């Protein structure tokens, strides 16, 4: 993909925004300001999920991308000025040591950058040096030497923090084959990659906003009501998806989220790969997708020559795990962007996969009329 078709500046702004689970306000303001121009109606639920309705009448289609990112909460201010913390969302211990975090103080004002530290290996007994340092033994160092110094900065127990990492892009020229045939002709592809702290799941929110924009700007007629939802608190239990789906009562649901890419060392066994297209999930730890809905989406991708790939995760889940249980049940599907190094300071993905997801979503929404939706559950 030589030239990106979507709003890269919006994606950068979204990914750099502050917004861990339960503290999504800053990121949600960006979402609301951007999306309201293209929606017929803007709604909210009680947990802060932002909902854009487009179209009227016909089946209700819910698209969910969660705006919260994994982060931290300050749990103790120690007398020597160090900060104890707890995770908001799932962190792997090995990813944290010496990384920087940004703390939003209770008293407001400028955000404060700290470094995650732990006792240095030089002073540990030999048997401890080869063991993983757990989060419980880590602390955040903001350069203070007393609890009073910390409080003067406006920090209190309960303040949130997120990774300190900046969105960036990389352009690469890649030679690859279109299929697995060893005799297939090798082709050159211009690749644009993104690196950011919060692709999980600002990329899902971005895809939803971009689909809403294209439908609006191209005056695309829909045979349904579509609810484009930026949900909250997904990383701590799919909570915003629950409240939003209770409000909408959808007939069909889609979750747009990152997927784990199976192309880095140690990730063998995962069929989905970065740069091979939008992943259409066959299941994960939170739900089994409606097989007819999944087949419908796959056939449409093939018909429109949109690059896609199958995917499956043995554990983990997305907002679709809640949406498919809404009301009397809503056939649902997870569409993913294969991403390396999720739940860390620096995720990596291919923008070609993002564009394919947007195109597929726009095509799917035009086809989900009453008869088609009813066919997914007809006996």
Protein backbone atom coordinates (compact mmCIF):
# COMPACT_ATOMS: atom_id res chain seq x y z
CA UNK A 1 0.00 0.00 0.00
CA UNK A 2 1.86 3.04 -1.25
CA UNK A 3 -0.72 5.69 -0.25
CA UNK A 4 -2.92 5.31 2.79
CA UNK A 5 -6.61 5.94 2.15
CA UNK A 6 -7.53 6.64 5.75
CA UNK A 7 -6.96 9.46 8.26
CA UNK A 8 -3.54 8.62 9.69
CA UNK A 9 -3.52 11.76 11.86
CA UNK A 10 -6.68 10.64 13.62
CA UNK A 11 -5.14 7.23 14.32
CA UNK A 12 -2.00 8.88 15.73
CA UNK A 13 -4.05 11.18 17.96
CA UNK A 14 -6.17 8.29 19.21
CA UNK A 15 -3.21 6.04 19.99
CA UNK A 16 -1.28 8.75 21.83
CA UNK A 17 -4.31 9.76 23.94
CA UNK A 18 -4.51 8.86 27.64
CA UNK A 19 -7.23 6.34 28.44
CA UNK A 20 -6.78 3.22 30.58
CA UNK A 21 -9.79 1.19 31.69
CA UNK A 22 -12.16 3.32 33.75
CA UNK A 23 -10.39 6.55 32.75
CA UNK A 24 -11.26 6.79 29.05
CA UNK A 25 -12.56 10.39 29.01
CA UNK A 26 -9.66 12.00 27.12
CA UNK A 27 -9.72 9.40 24.35
CA UNK A 28 -13.52 9.31 24.19
CA UNK A 29 -13.70 13.08 23.65
CA UNK A 30 -11.58 12.63 20.51
CA UNK A 31 -13.88 9.84 19.32
CA UNK A 32 -17.05 11.84 19.94
CA UNK A 33 -15.80 15.00 18.24
CA UNK A 34 -14.73 13.06 15.15
CA UNK A 35 -17.70 10.74 14.80
CA UNK A 36 -20.60 13.10 15.49
CA UNK A 37 -20.15 14.77 12.07
CA UNK A 38 -21.12 11.55 10.32
CA UNK A 39 -23.79 10.08 12.61
CA UNK A 40 -27.57 10.47 12.60
CA UNK A 41 -27.56 10.33 16.40
CA UNK A 42 -24.98 10.23 19.19
CA UNK A 43 -25.77 8.25 22.34
CA UNK A 44 -23.96 7.14 25.51
CA UNK A 45 -24.32 4.47 28.14
CA UNK A 46 -23.70 4.87 31.86
CA UNK A 47 -20.11 3.58 31.66
CA UNK A 48 -19.07 6.17 29.08
CA UNK A 49 -19.33 4.15 25.86
CA UNK A 50 -19.99 6.45 22.88
CA UNK A 51 -22.56 5.22 20.34
CA UNK A 52 -23.06 6.59 16.83
CA UNK A 53 -26.27 5.55 15.07
CA UNK A 54 -26.44 5.54 11.27
CA UNK A 55 -29.57 4.52 9.34
CA UNK A 56 -33.07 3.80 10.55
CA UNK A 57 -35.24 0.70 10.39
CA UNK A 58 -34.32 -2.90 9.70
CA UNK A 59 -31.99 -5.09 11.79
CA UNK A 60 -29.84 -3.48 14.46
CA UNK A 61 -26.13 -4.04 13.80
CA UNK A 62 -23.66 -3.31 16.61
CA UNK A 63 -19.98 -2.68 15.84
CA UNK A 64 -17.73 -2.49 18.89
CA UNK A 65 -14.15 -1.34 19.31
CA UNK A 66 -12.96 -0.68 22.86
CA UNK A 67 -11.31 2.66 23.56
CA UNK A 68 -9.63 1.68 26.83
CA UNK A 69 -5.98 0.65 26.87
CA UNK A 70 -4.18 -1.44 29.45
CA UNK A 71 -2.60 0.64 32.19
CA UNK A 72 -1.97 0.96 35.90
CA UNK A 73 -3.42 2.44 39.07
CA UNK A 74 -1.32 3.85 41.93
CA UNK A 75 -2.04 1.80 45.08
CA UNK A 76 0.45 3.24 47.60
CA UNK A 77 2.71 6.24 48.06
CA UNK A 78 5.72 4.99 49.99
CA UNK A 79 7.47 7.17 52.55
CA UNK A 80 10.64 7.27 50.40
CA UNK A 81 8.71 8.65 47.40
CA UNK A 82 8.31 5.49 45.35
CA UNK A 83 4.89 4.40 44.08
CA UNK A 84 3.33 0.95 44.28
CA UNK A 85 0.92 0.06 41.49
CA UNK A 86 -1.60 -2.49 40.27
CA UNK A 87 -2.44 -3.42 36.70
CA UNK A 88 -5.52 -2.31 34.77
CA UNK A 89 -5.77 -5.11 32.24
CA UNK A 90 -3.29 -7.91 31.69
CA UNK A 91 0.45 -7.20 31.84
CA UNK A 92 3.21 -9.75 31.37
CA UNK A 93 5.90 -9.12 33.99
CA UNK A 94 8.81 -9.35 31.53
CA UNK A 95 7.57 -6.36 29.51
CA UNK A 96 7.61 -3.83 32.35
CA UNK A 97 11.04 -3.31 33.92
CA UNK A 98 12.70 0.07 33.08
CA UNK A 99 9.77 1.11 30.90
CA UNK A 100 8.34 4.60 31.26
CA UNK A 101 4.75 5.36 32.31
CA UNK A 102 2.65 8.53 32.33
CA UNK A 103 0.65 9.29 35.47
CA UNK A 104 -2.41 11.56 35.49
CA UNK A 105 -2.43 13.30 38.92
CA UNK A 106 -5.64 13.63 40.91
CA UNK A 107 -5.11 17.38 41.26
CA UNK A 108 -4.87 17.78 37.48
CA UNK A 109 -2.17 19.77 35.77
CA UNK A 110 0.71 18.30 33.84
CA UNK A 111 0.99 14.54 33.53
CA UNK A 112 4.05 13.05 35.25
CA UNK A 113 6.45 10.54 33.70
CA UNK A 114 7.92 7.79 35.85
CA UNK A 115 10.14 4.73 35.36
CA UNK A 116 9.21 1.22 36.47
CA UNK A 117 12.03 -0.12 38.62
CA UNK A 118 12.93 -3.05 40.86
CA UNK A 119 15.96 -4.09 42.94
CA UNK A 120 19.00 -4.29 40.59
CA UNK A 121 20.40 -7.78 39.88
CA UNK A 122 23.82 -6.77 41.27
CA UNK A 123 22.49 -6.88 44.85
CA UNK A 124 20.35 -9.99 44.48
CA UNK A 125 21.51 -13.46 45.60
CA UNK A 126 22.62 -15.66 42.67
CA UNK A 127 19.49 -17.84 42.80
CA UNK A 128 17.24 -14.78 42.43
CA UNK A 129 19.00 -13.33 39.38
CA UNK A 130 17.59 -15.90 36.97
CA UNK A 131 14.00 -15.55 38.18
CA UNK A 132 11.38 -13.27 36.66
CA UNK A 133 10.76 -10.14 38.72
CA UNK A 134 7.02 -9.99 39.37
CA UNK A 135 4.91 -6.84 39.32
CA UNK A 136 4.43 -7.04 43.09
CA UNK A 137 8.17 -6.35 43.54
CA UNK A 138 8.25 -3.44 41.10
CA UNK A 139 7.67 0.24 41.81
CA UNK A 140 7.34 3.50 39.88
CA UNK A 141 10.12 6.04 40.34
CA UNK A 142 9.13 9.66 39.65
CA UNK A 143 12.30 11.15 41.13
CA UNK A 144 10.81 12.00 44.53
CA UNK A 145 12.51 11.26 47.85
CA UNK A 146 9.51 11.47 50.18
CA UNK A 147 5.75 11.01 50.29
CA UNK A 148 5.33 14.75 50.82
CA UNK A 149 7.19 15.44 47.57
CA UNK A 150 4.85 13.10 45.75
CA UNK A 151 1.76 14.76 47.21
CA UNK A 152 3.05 18.18 46.20
CA UNK A 153 2.89 16.95 42.60
CA UNK A 154 -0.83 16.25 43.08
CA UNK A 155 -0.53 12.46 43.00
CA UNK A 156 -2.84 10.37 45.17
CA UNK A 157 -3.68 6.69 45.58
CA UNK A 158 -6.08 5.77 42.78
CA UNK A 159 -4.42 7.87 40.08
CA UNK A 160 -4.20 6.12 36.68
CA UNK A 161 -1.16 5.62 34.46
CA UNK A 162 -0.44 4.34 30.95
CA UNK A 163 2.69 3.44 28.95
CA UNK A 164 4.78 6.39 27.80
CA UNK A 165 5.23 5.58 24.11
CA UNK A 166 4.70 7.57 20.93
CA UNK A 167 2.96 6.49 17.72
CA UNK A 168 5.26 6.12 14.71
CA UNK A 169 5.26 4.58 11.23
CA UNK A 170 7.76 2.60 9.17
CA UNK A 171 7.86 2.09 5.40
CA UNK A 172 9.33 -1.10 3.98
CA UNK A 173 9.64 -2.72 0.55
CA UNK A 174 8.82 -6.40 0.82
CA UNK A 175 9.17 -9.28 -1.62
CA UNK A 176 6.61 -12.01 -1.15
CA UNK A 177 4.57 -14.65 -2.94
CA UNK A 178 0.82 -14.45 -3.30
CA UNK A 179 0.33 -18.03 -2.17
CA UNK A 180 2.21 -20.96 -0.68
CA UNK A 181 3.17 -22.38 -4.08
CA UNK A 182 6.97 -22.46 -4.22
CA UNK A 183 6.80 -21.84 -7.97
CA UNK A 184 4.56 -18.75 -7.60
CA UNK A 185 5.98 -15.49 -8.89
CA UNK A 186 7.54 -13.24 -6.26
CA UNK A 187 6.06 -9.76 -6.12
CA UNK A 188 7.17 -6.51 -4.49
CA UNK A 189 4.84 -4.80 -2.03
CA UNK A 190 5.22 -1.38 -0.43
CA UNK A 191 4.45 -1.81 3.26
CA UNK A 192 3.54 0.79 5.87
CA UNK A 193 3.73 -0.45 9.44
CA UNK A 194 2.59 1.28 12.61
CA UNK A 195 4.01 1.08 16.13
CA UNK A 196 2.03 2.38 19.12
CA UNK A 197 1.14 1.73 22.73
CA UNK A 198 -2.63 1.50 22.32
CA UNK A 199 -3.46 -0.33 19.10
CA UNK A 200 -5.34 -2.57 21.53
CA UNK A 201 -7.88 -1.33 20.85
CA UNK A 202 -7.77 2.14 19.39
CA UNK A 203 -7.29 0.41 16.03
CA UNK A 204 -10.76 -1.14 16.39
CA UNK A 205 -12.29 2.22 17.28
CA UNK A 206 -10.48 3.79 14.33
CA UNK A 207 -11.80 1.17 11.88
CA UNK A 208 -15.35 1.81 13.09
CA UNK A 209 -14.96 5.59 12.75
CA UNK A 210 -13.46 5.26 9.27
CA UNK A 211 -16.29 2.96 8.14
CA UNK A 212 -18.85 5.45 9.50
CA UNK A 213 -17.10 8.29 7.65
CA UNK A 214 -17.01 6.45 4.30
CA UNK A 215 -20.66 5.44 4.52
CA UNK A 216 -21.62 9.04 5.26
CA UNK A 217 -19.37 10.77 2.71
CA UNK A 218 -20.35 8.37 -0.08
CA UNK A 219 -24.07 8.56 0.77
CA UNK A 220 -24.26 4.78 1.05
CA UNK A 221 -27.78 3.57 1.76
CA UNK A 222 -28.06 0.97 4.51
CA UNK A 223 -30.83 -1.65 4.89
CA UNK A 224 -30.39 -1.54 8.65
CA UNK A 225 -29.59 0.56 11.71
CA UNK A 226 -25.89 0.47 12.49
CA UNK A 227 -24.54 1.38 15.92
CA UNK A 228 -20.85 2.26 15.80
CA UNK A 229 -19.73 1.87 19.43
CA UNK A 230 -16.55 2.94 21.19
CA UNK A 231 -16.83 0.81 24.33
CA UNK A 232 -15.15 1.21 27.72
CA UNK A 233 -13.54 -1.12 30.27
CA UNK A 234 -13.03 -4.06 27.90
CA UNK A 235 -9.64 -4.92 29.38
CA UNK A 236 -11.12 -5.45 32.85
CA UNK A 237 -14.09 -7.61 31.88
CA UNK A 238 -15.87 -6.49 28.68
CA UNK A 239 -17.98 -4.14 30.79
CA UNK A 240 -18.80 -1.34 28.34
CA UNK A 241 -19.90 -3.87 25.73
CA UNK A 242 -22.39 -5.25 28.24
CA UNK A 243 -24.00 -1.91 29.05
CA UNK A 244 -23.94 -0.70 25.43
CA UNK A 245 -25.51 -3.90 24.09
CA UNK A 246 -28.20 -3.72 26.78
CA UNK A 247 -29.03 -0.24 25.50
CA UNK A 248 -28.95 -1.14 21.78
CA UNK A 249 -30.37 -4.69 21.87
CA UNK A 250 -28.61 -5.65 18.61
CA UNK A 251 -29.64 -8.33 16.14
CA UNK A 252 -26.06 -8.79 14.85
CA UNK A 253 -22.74 -7.96 16.50
CA UNK A 254 -19.16 -7.41 15.37
CA UNK A 255 -16.09 -6.80 17.53
CA UNK A 256 -13.17 -5.00 15.88
CA UNK A 257 -9.96 -5.62 17.79
CA UNK A 258 -6.33 -6.60 17.54
CA UNK A 259 -5.52 -10.25 16.93
CA UNK A 260 -2.33 -12.01 17.98
CA UNK A 261 0.00 -12.29 15.01
CA UNK A 262 1.56 -15.69 14.47
CA UNK A 263 4.64 -14.59 12.53
CA UNK A 264 7.15 -13.71 15.26
CA UNK A 265 9.54 -16.18 16.94
CA UNK A 266 7.69 -18.30 19.47
CA UNK A 267 4.24 -17.61 18.01
CA UNK A 268 4.24 -20.60 15.69
CA UNK A 269 0.90 -22.39 15.49
CA UNK A 270 -1.24 -19.28 15.00
CA UNK A 271 -2.51 -19.17 11.44
CA UNK A 272 -3.15 -15.41 11.32
CA UNK A 273 -0.16 -13.32 10.18
CA UNK A 274 0.58 -9.60 10.01
CA UNK A 275 0.12 -8.26 6.47
CA UNK A 276 -1.96 -11.20 5.21
CA UNK A 277 -5.33 -9.46 5.52
CA UNK A 278 -8.10 -8.86 8.06
CA UNK A 279 -8.56 -11.93 10.23
CA UNK A 280 -12.03 -13.50 10.39
CA UNK A 281 -12.12 -15.44 13.63
CA UNK A 282 -13.36 -19.00 13.95
CA UNK A 283 -13.52 -18.68 17.73
CA UNK A 284 -11.74 -17.72 20.95
CA UNK A 285 -12.11 -18.13 24.70
CA UNK A 286 -15.15 -15.87 24.91
CA UNK A 287 -17.41 -17.06 22.10
CA UNK A 288 -18.10 -19.32 19.13
CA UNK A 289 -19.10 -17.19 16.13
CA UNK A 290 -22.32 -17.89 14.28
CA UNK A 291 -21.03 -20.14 11.44
CA UNK A 292 -23.48 -18.81 8.84
CA UNK A 293 -22.59 -15.22 9.60
CA UNK A 294 -18.87 -16.05 9.37
CA UNK A 295 -19.38 -17.89 6.07
CA UNK A 296 -21.38 -14.93 4.73
CA UNK A 297 -18.54 -12.52 5.58
CA UNK A 298 -15.88 -14.80 4.07
CA UNK A 299 -17.82 -15.22 0.82
CA UNK A 300 -18.32 -11.46 0.56
CA UNK A 301 -14.60 -10.85 1.12
CA UNK A 302 -13.80 -13.30 -1.68
CA UNK A 303 -16.40 -11.78 -4.00
CA UNK A 304 -15.04 -8.26 -3.46
CA UNK A 305 -11.40 -9.46 -3.56
CA UNK A 306 -10.71 -8.13 -0.08
CA UNK A 307 -7.66 -9.71 1.52
CA UNK A 308 -8.61 -11.83 4.55
CA UNK A 309 -7.36 -14.81 6.53
CA UNK A 310 -8.85 -17.31 8.97
CA UNK A 311 -7.97 -17.00 12.64
CA UNK A 312 -8.44 -18.83 15.92
CA UNK A 313 -7.41 -18.23 19.54
CA UNK A 314 -7.58 -20.88 22.25
CA UNK A 315 -7.92 -18.29 25.02
CA UNK A 316 -8.69 -14.62 25.41
CA UNK A 317 -11.71 -12.82 24.05
CA UNK A 318 -13.25 -9.63 22.70
CA UNK A 319 -16.40 -7.55 23.10
CA UNK A 320 -18.12 -10.09 20.84
CA UNK A 321 -18.08 -12.42 23.85
CA UNK A 322 -20.65 -10.17 25.50
CA UNK A 323 -22.52 -8.90 22.43
CA UNK A 324 -23.50 -12.40 21.28
CA UNK A 325 -25.35 -12.89 24.59
CA UNK A 326 -27.34 -9.63 24.32
CA UNK A 327 -31.11 -9.97 24.72
CA UNK A 328 -32.17 -13.34 23.33
CA UNK A 329 -28.79 -13.69 21.61
CA UNK A 330 -27.18 -11.92 18.65
CA UNK A 331 -25.10 -13.76 16.01
CA UNK A 332 -21.66 -12.17 16.29
CA UNK A 333 -18.20 -12.24 14.79
CA UNK A 334 -14.73 -10.97 15.69
CA UNK A 335 -12.77 -9.25 12.91
CA UNK A 336 -9.13 -8.72 13.87
CA UNK A 337 -5.94 -6.95 12.88
CA UNK A 338 -2.94 -9.28 13.45
CA UNK A 339 -0.64 -7.37 15.78
CA UNK A 340 2.75 -8.18 17.25
CA UNK A 341 3.59 -7.51 20.91
CA UNK A 342 0.11 -6.69 22.19
CA UNK A 343 -0.19 -5.78 25.88
CA UNK A 344 3.16 -4.03 25.87
CA UNK A 345 4.49 -0.52 25.32
CA UNK A 346 4.91 -1.07 21.58
CA UNK A 347 2.44 -2.99 19.41
CA UNK A 348 3.14 -3.39 15.68
CA UNK A 349 0.73 -3.87 12.78
CA UNK A 350 0.42 -3.52 8.99
CA UNK A 351 -1.85 -0.74 7.71
CA UNK A 352 -2.78 -2.88 4.71
CA UNK A 353 -4.71 -5.14 7.10
CA UNK A 354 -6.47 -2.08 8.54
CA UNK A 355 -7.59 -0.91 5.10
CA UNK A 356 -8.90 -4.38 4.28
CA UNK A 357 -10.91 -4.42 7.51
CA UNK A 358 -12.49 -1.04 6.72
CA UNK A 359 -13.41 -2.08 3.19
CA UNK A 360 -14.89 -5.38 4.36
CA UNK A 361 -16.96 -3.70 7.05
CA UNK A 362 -18.44 -1.18 4.61
CA UNK A 363 -19.35 -3.99 2.20
CA UNK A 364 -20.88 -6.19 4.91
CA UNK A 365 -23.08 -3.42 6.31
CA UNK A 366 -24.69 -2.87 2.90
CA UNK A 367 -25.79 -6.51 2.70
CA UNK A 368 -27.27 -7.12 6.16
CA UNK A 369 -30.96 -6.71 5.41
CA UNK A 370 -33.77 -8.39 7.36
CA UNK A 371 -33.88 -11.52 5.20
CA UNK A 372 -30.11 -12.04 5.37
CA UNK A 373 -29.98 -11.53 9.13
CA UNK A 374 -32.87 -13.95 9.71
CA UNK A 375 -31.08 -16.58 7.59
CA UNK A 376 -28.26 -16.85 10.13
CA UNK A 377 -30.55 -18.46 12.73
CA UNK A 378 -33.33 -20.01 10.59
CA UNK A 379 -33.96 -23.73 11.11
